[in-house]
Amino acid sequence: MKHGKKYIDAAKLIENNKTYDPSEALELCCKTATAKFDETVELHVRLGVDQPSRGPAGARRRRAAQRHRQGRARYRHRQGRRRQGR
């Protein structure tokens, strides 16, 4: 695939398998910007934080999940009985 001069010059500044620090990545974004308008940068961050399931809403979710698991187990049990001819 052919690319333009500006793309090739910008691609030379970026190392493919390198993880950049946020400040360094932002500097690199500014250096490689070629558009005639204000460009935007989108950032995705995995924080590794789980939403706490406290309170009434969390209790409802836990009970619903438990009923769901029990229902599947009961269904499997009933299905097994039907297969045996009972």
PDB file of N, CA and C in Angstrom:
ATOM      1  N   MET A   1       0.840  -1.168   0.000  1.00  0.00           N
ATOM      2  CA  MET A   1       0.000   0.000   0.000  1.00  0.00           C
ATOM      3  C   MET A   1       0.891   1.239   0.000  1.00  0.00           C
ATOM      4  N   LYS A   2       0.616   2.172  -0.858  1.00  0.00           N
ATOM      5  CA  LYS A   2       1.413   3.383  -0.935  1.00  0.00           C
ATOM      6  C   LYS A   2       0.915   4.410   0.064  1.00  0.00           C
ATOM      7  N   HIS A   3       1.844   5.176   0.608  1.00  0.00           N
ATOM      8  CA  HIS A   3       1.512   6.229   1.554  1.00  0.00           C
ATOM      9  C   HIS A   3       2.150   7.523   1.081  1.00  0.00           C
ATOM     10  N   GLY A   4       1.610   8.623   1.592  1.00  0.00           N
ATOM     11  CA  GLY A   4       2.131   9.933   1.235  1.00  0.00           C
ATOM     12  C   GLY A   4       3.406  10.276   1.981  1.00  0.00           C
ATOM     13  N   LYS A   5       4.015  11.403   1.596  1.00  0.00           N
ATOM     14  CA  LYS A   5       5.269  11.845   2.209  1.00  0.00           C
ATOM     15  C   LYS A   5       5.095  12.148   3.696  1.00  0.00           C
ATOM     16  N   LYS A   6       4.009  12.834   4.032  1.00  0.00           N
ATOM     17  CA  LYS A   6       3.785  13.202   5.432  1.00  0.00           C
ATOM     18  C   LYS A   6       3.604  11.957   6.306  1.00  0.00           C
ATOM     19  N   TYR A   7       2.897  10.958   5.787  1.00  0.00           N
ATOM     20  CA  TYR A   7       2.688   9.721   6.537  1.00  0.00           C
ATOM     21  C   TYR A   7       4.011   8.996   6.754  1.00  0.00           C
ATOM     22  N   ILE A   8       4.813   8.916   5.728  1.00  0.00           N
ATOM     23  CA  ILE A   8       6.105   8.225   5.824  1.00  0.00           C
ATOM     24  C   ILE A   8       7.011   8.918   6.823  1.00  0.00           C
ATOM     25  N   ASP A   9       7.028  10.276   6.797  1.00  0.00           N
ATOM     26  CA  ASP A   9       7.846  11.026   7.751  1.00  0.00           C
ATOM     27  C   ASP A   9       7.360  10.800   9.184  1.00  0.00           C
ATOM     28  N   ALA A  10       6.039  10.757   9.376  1.00  0.00           N
ATOM     29  CA  ALA A  10       5.486  10.531  10.715  1.00  0.00           C
ATOM     30  C   ALA A  10       5.760   9.106  11.182  1.00  0.00           C
ATOM     31  N   ALA A  11       5.685   8.140  10.275  1.00  0.00           N
ATOM     32  CA  ALA A  11       5.906   6.738  10.632  1.00  0.00           C
ATOM     33  C   ALA A  11       7.353   6.490  11.060  1.00  0.00           C
ATOM     34  N   LYS A  12       8.285   7.274  10.553  1.00  0.00           N
ATOM     35  CA  LYS A  12       9.693   7.125  10.942  1.00  0.00           C
ATOM     36  C   LYS A  12       9.903   7.492  12.409  1.00  0.00           C
ATOM     37  N   LEU A  13       9.066   8.369  12.956  1.00  0.00           N
ATOM     38  CA  LEU A  13       9.213   8.816  14.341  1.00  0.00           C
ATOM     39  C   LEU A  13       8.681   7.807  15.352  1.00  0.00           C
ATOM     40  N   ILE A  14       7.848   6.876  14.900  1.00  0.00           N
ATOM     41  CA  ILE A  14       7.183   5.941  15.811  1.00  0.00           C
ATOM     42  C   ILE A  14       7.838   4.571  15.734  1.00  0.00           C
ATOM     43  N   GLU A  15       8.140   4.003  16.909  1.00  0.00           N
ATOM     44  CA  GLU A  15       8.657   2.633  16.989  1.00  0.00           C
ATOM     45  C   GLU A  15       7.469   1.697  17.220  1.00  0.00           C
ATOM     46  N   ASN A  16       7.360   0.658  16.424  1.00  0.00           N
ATOM     47  CA  ASN A  16       6.177  -0.211  16.446  1.00  0.00           C
ATOM     48  C   ASN A  16       5.949  -0.929  17.766  1.00  0.00           C
ATOM     49  N   ASN A  17       6.937  -1.604  18.294  1.00  0.00           N
ATOM     50  CA  ASN A  17       6.734  -2.468  19.459  1.00  0.00           C
ATOM     51  C   ASN A  17       7.130  -1.803  20.761  1.00  0.00           C
ATOM     52  N   LYS A  18       7.079  -0.501  20.820  1.00  0.00           N
ATOM     53  CA  LYS A  18       7.471   0.215  22.015  1.00  0.00           C
ATOM     54  C   LYS A  18       6.230   0.733  22.727  1.00  0.00           C
ATOM     55  N   THR A  19       6.242   0.639  24.061  1.00  0.00           N
ATOM     56  CA  THR A  19       5.174   1.213  24.868  1.00  0.00           C
ATOM     57  C   THR A  19       5.640   2.571  25.350  1.00  0.00           C
ATOM     58  N   TYR A  20       4.859   3.596  25.050  1.00  0.00           N
ATOM     59  CA  TYR A  20       5.247   4.966  25.374  1.00  0.00           C
ATOM     60  C   TYR A  20       4.592   5.421  26.673  1.00  0.00           C
ATOM     61  N   ASP A  21       5.288   6.280  27.412  1.00  0.00           N
ATOM     62  CA  ASP A  21       4.697   6.936  28.572  1.00  0.00           C
ATOM     63  C   ASP A  21       3.652   7.929  28.068  1.00  0.00           C
ATOM     64  N   PRO A  22       2.667   8.269  28.893  1.00  0.00           N
ATOM     65  CA  PRO A  22       1.630   9.196  28.424  1.00  0.00           C
ATOM     66  C   PRO A  22       2.171  10.540  27.939  1.00  0.00           C
ATOM     67  N   SER A  23       3.125  11.115  28.663  1.00  0.00           N
ATOM     68  CA  SER A  23       3.656  12.423  28.236  1.00  0.00           C
ATOM     69  C   SER A  23       4.436  12.290  26.928  1.00  0.00           C
ATOM     70  N   GLU A  24       5.195  11.219  26.805  1.00  0.00           N
ATOM     71  CA  GLU A  24       5.973  10.985  25.588  1.00  0.00           C
ATOM     72  C   GLU A  24       5.035  10.704  24.397  1.00  0.00           C
ATOM     73  N   ALA A  25       3.956   9.970  24.648  1.00  0.00           N
ATOM     74  CA  ALA A  25       2.997   9.669  23.581  1.00  0.00           C
ATOM     75  C   ALA A  25       2.298  10.946  23.108  1.00  0.00           C
ATOM     76  N   LEU A  26       1.978  11.830  24.047  1.00  0.00           N
ATOM     77  CA  LEU A  26       1.329  13.079  23.669  1.00  0.00           C
ATOM     78  C   LEU A  26       2.265  13.966  22.853  1.00  0.00           C
ATOM     79  N   GLU A  27       3.535  14.016  23.232  1.00  0.00           N
ATOM     80  CA  GLU A  27       4.518  14.768  22.439  1.00  0.00           C
ATOM     81  C   GLU A  27       4.617  14.198  21.027  1.00  0.00           C
ATOM     82  N   LEU A  28       4.630  12.886  20.937  1.00  0.00           N
ATOM     83  CA  LEU A  28       4.712  12.224  19.633  1.00  0.00           C
ATOM     84  C   LEU A  28       3.479  12.522  18.780  1.00  0.00           C
ATOM     85  N   CYS A  29       2.312  12.586  19.420  1.00  0.00           N
ATOM     86  CA  CYS A  29       1.082  12.940  18.690  1.00  0.00           C
ATOM     87  C   CYS A  29       1.193  14.344  18.114  1.00  0.00           C
ATOM     88  N   CYS A  30       1.734  15.246  18.900  1.00  0.00           N
ATOM     89  CA  CYS A  30       1.869  16.629  18.422  1.00  0.00           C
ATOM     90  C   CYS A  30       2.886  16.718  17.285  1.00  0.00           C
ATOM     91  N   LYS A  31       3.950  15.941  17.356  1.00  0.00           N
ATOM     92  CA  LYS A  31       4.976  15.966  16.300  1.00  0.00           C
ATOM     93  C   LYS A  31       4.455  15.380  14.991  1.00  0.00           C
ATOM     94  N   THR A  32       3.633  14.356  15.089  1.00  0.00           N
ATOM     95  CA  THR A  32       3.173  13.667  13.880  1.00  0.00           C
ATOM     96  C   THR A  32       1.875  14.244  13.321  1.00  0.00           C
ATOM     97  N   ALA A  33       1.323  15.271  13.944  1.00  0.00           N
ATOM     98  CA  ALA A  33       0.074  15.874  13.472  1.00  0.00           C
ATOM     99  C   ALA A  33       0.326  16.599  12.154  1.00  0.00           C
ATOM    100  N   THR A  34      -0.489  16.295  11.152  1.00  0.00           N
ATOM    101  CA  THR A  34      -0.298  16.904   9.833  1.00  0.00           C
ATOM    102  C   THR A  34      -1.553  17.596   9.319  1.00  0.00           C
ATOM    103  N   ALA A  35      -2.656  17.488  10.024  1.00  0.00           N
ATOM    104  CA  ALA A  35      -3.921  18.043   9.530  1.00  0.00           C
ATOM    105  C   ALA A  35      -3.933  19.564   9.666  1.00  0.00           C
ATOM    106  N   LYS A  36      -4.779  20.200   8.899  1.00  0.00           N
ATOM    107  CA  LYS A  36      -4.886  21.649   8.927  1.00  0.00           C
ATOM    108  C   LYS A  36      -5.901  22.120   9.968  1.00  0.00           C
ATOM    109  N   PHE A  37      -6.488  21.194  10.708  1.00  0.00           N
ATOM    110  CA  PHE A  37      -7.465  21.544  11.741  1.00  0.00           C
ATOM    111  C   PHE A  37      -6.963  21.010  13.078  1.00  0.00           C
ATOM    112  N   ASP A  38      -7.635  21.351  14.165  1.00  0.00           N
ATOM    113  CA  ASP A  38      -7.258  20.856  15.490  1.00  0.00           C
ATOM    114  C   ASP A  38      -7.625  19.385  15.594  1.00  0.00           C
ATOM    115  N   GLU A  39      -6.627  18.551  15.774  1.00  0.00           N
ATOM    116  CA  GLU A  39      -6.869  17.115  15.881  1.00  0.00           C
ATOM    117  C   GLU A  39      -7.200  16.747  17.319  1.00  0.00           C
ATOM    118  N   THR A  40      -7.901  15.639  17.489  1.00  0.00           N
ATOM    119  CA  THR A  40      -8.229  15.150  18.824  1.00  0.00           C
ATOM    120  C   THR A  40      -7.524  13.829  19.058  1.00  0.00           C
ATOM    121  N   VAL A  41      -7.299  13.520  20.323  1.00  0.00           N
ATOM    122  CA  VAL A  41      -6.645  12.272  20.716  1.00  0.00           C
ATOM    123  C   VAL A  41      -7.607  11.520  21.614  1.00  0.00           C
ATOM    124  N   GLU A  42      -7.804  10.237  21.333  1.00  0.00           N
ATOM    125  CA  GLU A  42      -8.684   9.400  22.144  1.00  0.00           C
ATOM    126  C   GLU A  42      -7.814   8.478  22.976  1.00  0.00           C
ATOM    127  N   LEU A  43      -8.121   8.378  24.262  1.00  0.00           N
ATOM    128  CA  LEU A  43      -7.307   7.605  25.194  1.00  0.00           C
ATOM    129  C   LEU A  43      -8.171   6.521  25.822  1.00  0.00           C
ATOM    130  N   HIS A  44      -7.683   5.275  25.785  1.00  0.00           N
ATOM    131  CA  HIS A  44      -8.359   4.146  26.428  1.00  0.00           C
ATOM    132  C   HIS A  44      -7.443   3.627  27.528  1.00  0.00           C
ATOM    133  N   VAL A  45      -7.983   3.537  28.741  1.00  0.00           N
ATOM    134  CA  VAL A  45      -7.171   3.125  29.891  1.00  0.00           C
ATOM    135  C   VAL A  45      -7.879   1.986  30.606  1.00  0.00           C
ATOM    136  N   ARG A  46      -7.152   0.926  30.884  1.00  0.00           N
ATOM    137  CA  ARG A  46      -7.672  -0.165  31.713  1.00  0.00           C
ATOM    138  C   ARG A  46      -7.176   0.068  33.130  1.00  0.00           C
ATOM    139  N   LEU A  47      -8.096   0.393  34.014  1.00  0.00           N
ATOM    140  CA  LEU A  47      -7.718   0.699  35.385  1.00  0.00           C
ATOM    141  C   LEU A  47      -7.643  -0.548  36.257  1.00  0.00           C
ATOM    142  N   GLY A  48      -8.318  -1.603  35.871  1.00  0.00           N
ATOM    143  CA  GLY A  48      -8.302  -2.824  36.671  1.00  0.00           C
ATOM    144  C   GLY A  48      -9.123  -2.673  37.938  1.00  0.00           C
ATOM    145  N   VAL A  49     -10.107  -1.777  37.941  1.00  0.00           N
ATOM    146  CA  VAL A  49     -10.940  -1.525  39.102  1.00  0.00           C
ATOM    147  C   VAL A  49     -12.311  -2.109  38.836  1.00  0.00           C
ATOM    148  N   ASP A  50     -12.819  -2.882  39.775  1.00  0.00           N
ATOM    149  CA  ASP A  50     -14.135  -3.466  39.632  1.00  0.00           C
ATOM    150  C   ASP A  50     -15.136  -2.620  40.400  1.00  0.00           C
ATOM    151  N   GLN A  51     -16.305  -2.409  39.819  1.00  0.00           N
ATOM    152  CA  GLN A  51     -17.332  -1.619  40.469  1.00  0.00           C
ATOM    153  C   GLN A  51     -17.846  -2.380  41.683  1.00  0.00           C
ATOM    154  N   PRO A  52     -17.898  -1.734  42.847  1.00  0.00           N
ATOM    155  CA  PRO A  52     -18.382  -2.441  44.036  1.00  0.00           C
ATOM    156  C   PRO A  52     -19.865  -2.767  43.897  1.00  0.00           C
ATOM    157  N   SER A  53     -20.254  -3.924  44.392  1.00  0.00           N
ATOM    158  CA  SER A  53     -21.657  -4.340  44.293  1.00  0.00           C
ATOM    159  C   SER A  53     -22.296  -4.267  45.667  1.00  0.00           C
ATOM    160  N   ARG A  54     -22.195  -3.114  46.307  1.00  0.00           N
ATOM    161  CA  ARG A  54     -22.793  -2.929  47.623  1.00  0.00           C
ATOM    162  C   ARG A  54     -24.151  -2.265  47.460  1.00  0.00           C
ATOM    163  N   GLY A  55     -24.922  -2.312  48.520  1.00  0.00           N
ATOM    164  CA  GLY A  55     -26.203  -1.634  48.507  1.00  0.00           C
ATOM    165  C   GLY A  55     -27.295  -2.482  47.889  1.00  0.00           C
ATOM    166  N   PRO A  56     -28.496  -1.916  47.827  1.00  0.00           N
ATOM    167  CA  PRO A  56     -29.635  -2.683  47.316  1.00  0.00           C
ATOM    168  C   PRO A  56     -29.489  -3.095  45.857  1.00  0.00           C
ATOM    169  N   ALA A  57     -28.922  -2.222  45.029  1.00  0.00           N
ATOM    170  CA  ALA A  57     -28.772  -2.567  43.614  1.00  0.00           C
ATOM    171  C   ALA A  57     -27.810  -3.730  43.447  1.00  0.00           C
ATOM    172  N   GLY A  58     -26.722  -3.725  44.199  1.00  0.00           N
ATOM    173  CA  GLY A  58     -25.749  -4.813  44.133  1.00  0.00           C
ATOM    174  C   GLY A  58     -26.329  -6.116  44.642  1.00  0.00           C
ATOM    175  N   ALA A  59     -27.138  -6.018  45.708  1.00  0.00           N
ATOM    176  CA  ALA A  59     -27.766  -7.217  46.254  1.00  0.00           C
ATOM    177  C   ALA A  59     -28.728  -7.814  45.226  1.00  0.00           C
ATOM    178  N   ARG A  60     -29.479  -6.955  44.523  1.00  0.00           N
ATOM    179  CA  ARG A  60     -30.389  -7.453  43.484  1.00  0.00           C
ATOM    180  C   ARG A  60     -29.615  -8.164  42.383  1.00  0.00           C
ATOM    181  N   ARG A  61     -28.471  -7.576  41.987  1.00  0.00           N
ATOM    182  CA  ARG A  61     -27.671  -8.210  40.938  1.00  0.00           C
ATOM    183  C   ARG A  61     -27.153  -9.566  41.391  1.00  0.00           C
ATOM    184  N   ARG A  62     -26.691  -9.635  42.647  1.00  0.00           N
ATOM    185  CA  ARG A  62     -26.168 -10.909  43.151  1.00  0.00           C
ATOM    186  C   ARG A  62     -27.260 -11.967  43.214  1.00  0.00           C
ATOM    187  N   ARG A  63     -28.455 -11.577  43.700  1.00  0.00           N
ATOM    188  CA  ARG A  63     -29.562 -12.544  43.782  1.00  0.00           C
ATOM    189  C   ARG A  63     -29.997 -12.988  42.394  1.00  0.00           C
ATOM    190  N   ALA A  64     -30.046 -12.058  41.456  1.00  0.00           N
ATOM    191  CA  ALA A  64     -30.450 -12.415  40.094  1.00  0.00           C
ATOM    192  C   ALA A  64     -29.450 -13.386  39.478  1.00  0.00           C
ATOM    193  N   ALA A  65     -28.167 -13.131  39.711  1.00  0.00           N
ATOM    194  CA  ALA A  65     -27.137 -14.026  39.172  1.00  0.00           C
ATOM    195  C   ALA A  65     -27.248 -15.401  39.815  1.00  0.00           C
ATOM    196  N   GLN A  66     -27.532 -15.431  41.124  1.00  0.00           N
ATOM    197  CA  GLN A  66     -27.663 -16.709  41.815  1.00  0.00           C
ATOM    198  C   GLN A  66     -28.871 -17.478  41.290  1.00  0.00           C
ATOM    199  N   ARG A  67     -30.014 -16.789  41.112  1.00  0.00           N
ATOM    200  CA  ARG A  67     -31.210 -17.449  40.571  1.00  0.00           C
ATOM    201  C   ARG A  67     -30.948 -17.973  39.167  1.00  0.00           C
ATOM    202  N   HIS A  68     -30.209 -17.196  38.399  1.00  0.00           N
ATOM    203  CA  HIS A  68     -29.893 -17.615  37.037  1.00  0.00           C
ATOM    204  C   HIS A  68     -29.079 -18.905  37.049  1.00  0.00           C
ATOM    205  N   ARG A  69     -28.059 -18.948  37.912  1.00  0.00           N
ATOM    206  CA  ARG A  69     -27.230 -20.161  37.999  1.00  0.00           C
ATOM    207  C   ARG A  69     -28.053 -21.350  38.484  1.00  0.00           C
ATOM    208  N   GLN A  70     -28.913 -21.145  39.497  1.00  0.00           N
ATOM    209  CA  GLN A  70     -29.727 -22.237  40.020  1.00  0.00           C
ATOM    210  C   GLN A  70     -30.722 -22.725  38.970  1.00  0.00           C
ATOM    211  N   GLY A  71     -31.298 -21.791  38.234  1.00  0.00           N
ATOM    212  CA  GLY A  71     -32.262 -22.156  37.210  1.00  0.00           C
ATOM    213  C   GLY A  71     -31.627 -23.010  36.139  1.00  0.00           C
ATOM    214  N   ARG A  72     -30.420 -22.669  35.752  1.00  0.00           N
ATOM    215  CA  ARG A  72     -29.739 -23.475  34.738  1.00  0.00           C
ATOM    216  C   ARG A  72     -29.464 -24.865  35.276  1.00  0.00           C
ATOM    217  N   ALA A  73     -29.064 -24.959  36.562  1.00  0.00           N
ATOM    218  CA  ALA A  73     -28.769 -26.263  37.147  1.00  0.00           C
ATOM    219  C   ALA A  73     -30.038 -27.102  37.236  1.00  0.00           C
ATOM    220  N   ARG A  74     -31.154 -26.462  37.668  1.00  0.00           N
ATOM    221  CA  ARG A  74     -32.411 -27.198  37.752  1.00  0.00           C
ATOM    222  C   ARG A  74     -32.845 -27.689  36.374  1.00  0.00           C
ATOM    223  N   TYR A  75     -32.697 -26.835  35.379  1.00  0.00           N
ATOM    224  CA  TYR A  75     -33.102 -27.199  34.031  1.00  0.00           C
ATOM    225  C   TYR A  75     -32.285 -28.389  33.535  1.00  0.00           C
ATOM    226  N   ARG A  76     -30.994 -28.364  33.798  1.00  0.00           N
ATOM    227  CA  ARG A  76     -30.154 -29.489  33.377  1.00  0.00           C
ATOM    228  C   ARG A  76     -30.604 -30.774  34.058  1.00  0.00           C
ATOM    229  N   HIS A  77     -30.950 -30.684  35.352  1.00  0.00           N
ATOM    230  CA  HIS A  77     -31.375 -31.855  36.101  1.00  0.00           C
ATOM    231  C   HIS A  77     -32.676 -32.406  35.510  1.00  0.00           C
ATOM    232  N   ARG A  78     -33.655 -31.527  35.256  1.00  0.00           N
ATOM    233  CA  ARG A  78     -34.919 -31.963  34.685  1.00  0.00           C
ATOM    234  C   ARG A  78     -34.706 -32.548  33.293  1.00  0.00           C
ATOM    235  N   GLN A  79     -33.836 -31.930  32.538  1.00  0.00           N
ATOM    236  CA  GLN A  79     -33.579 -32.419  31.201  1.00  0.00           C
ATOM    237  C   GLN A  79     -32.982 -33.832  31.257  1.00  0.00           C
ATOM    238  N   GLY A  80     -32.106 -34.050  32.227  1.00  0.00           N
ATOM    239  CA  GLY A  80     -31.505 -35.370  32.378  1.00  0.00           C
ATOM    240  C   GLY A  80     -32.546 -36.434  32.702  1.00  0.00           C
ATOM    241  N   ARG A  81     -33.512 -36.070  33.558  1.00  0.00           N
ATOM    242  CA  ARG A  81     -34.562 -37.022  33.912  1.00  0.00           C
ATOM    243  C   ARG A  81     -35.409 -37.391  32.691  1.00  0.00           C
ATOM    244  N   ARG A  82     -35.704 -36.401  31.871  1.00  0.00           N
ATOM    245  CA  ARG A  82     -36.508 -36.668  30.698  1.00  0.00           C
ATOM    246  C   ARG A  82     -35.797 -37.640  29.760  1.00  0.00           C
ATOM    247  N   ARG A  83     -34.521 -37.519  29.687  1.00  0.00           N
ATOM    248  CA  ARG A  83     -33.776 -38.406  28.796  1.00  0.00           C
ATOM    249  C   ARG A  83     -33.815 -39.850  29.293  1.00  0.00           C
ATOM    250  N   GLN A  84     -33.930 -40.024  30.627  1.00  0.00           N
ATOM    251  CA  GLN A  84     -33.948 -41.362  31.180  1.00  0.00           C
ATOM    252  C   GLN A  84     -35.339 -42.003  31.071  1.00  0.00           C
ATOM    253  N   GLY A  85     -36.340 -41.219  30.652  1.00  0.00           N
ATOM    254  CA  GLY A  85     -37.657 -41.781  30.467  1.00  0.00           C
ATOM    255  C   GLY A  85     -38.523 -41.727  31.702  1.00  0.00           C
ATOM    256  N   ARG A  86     -38.197 -40.894  32.663  1.00  0.00           N
ATOM    257  CA  ARG A  86     -39.006 -40.803  33.883  1.00  0.00           C
ATOM    258  C   ARG A  86     -40.020 -39.730  33.792  1.00  0.00           C
TER     259      ARG A  86
END
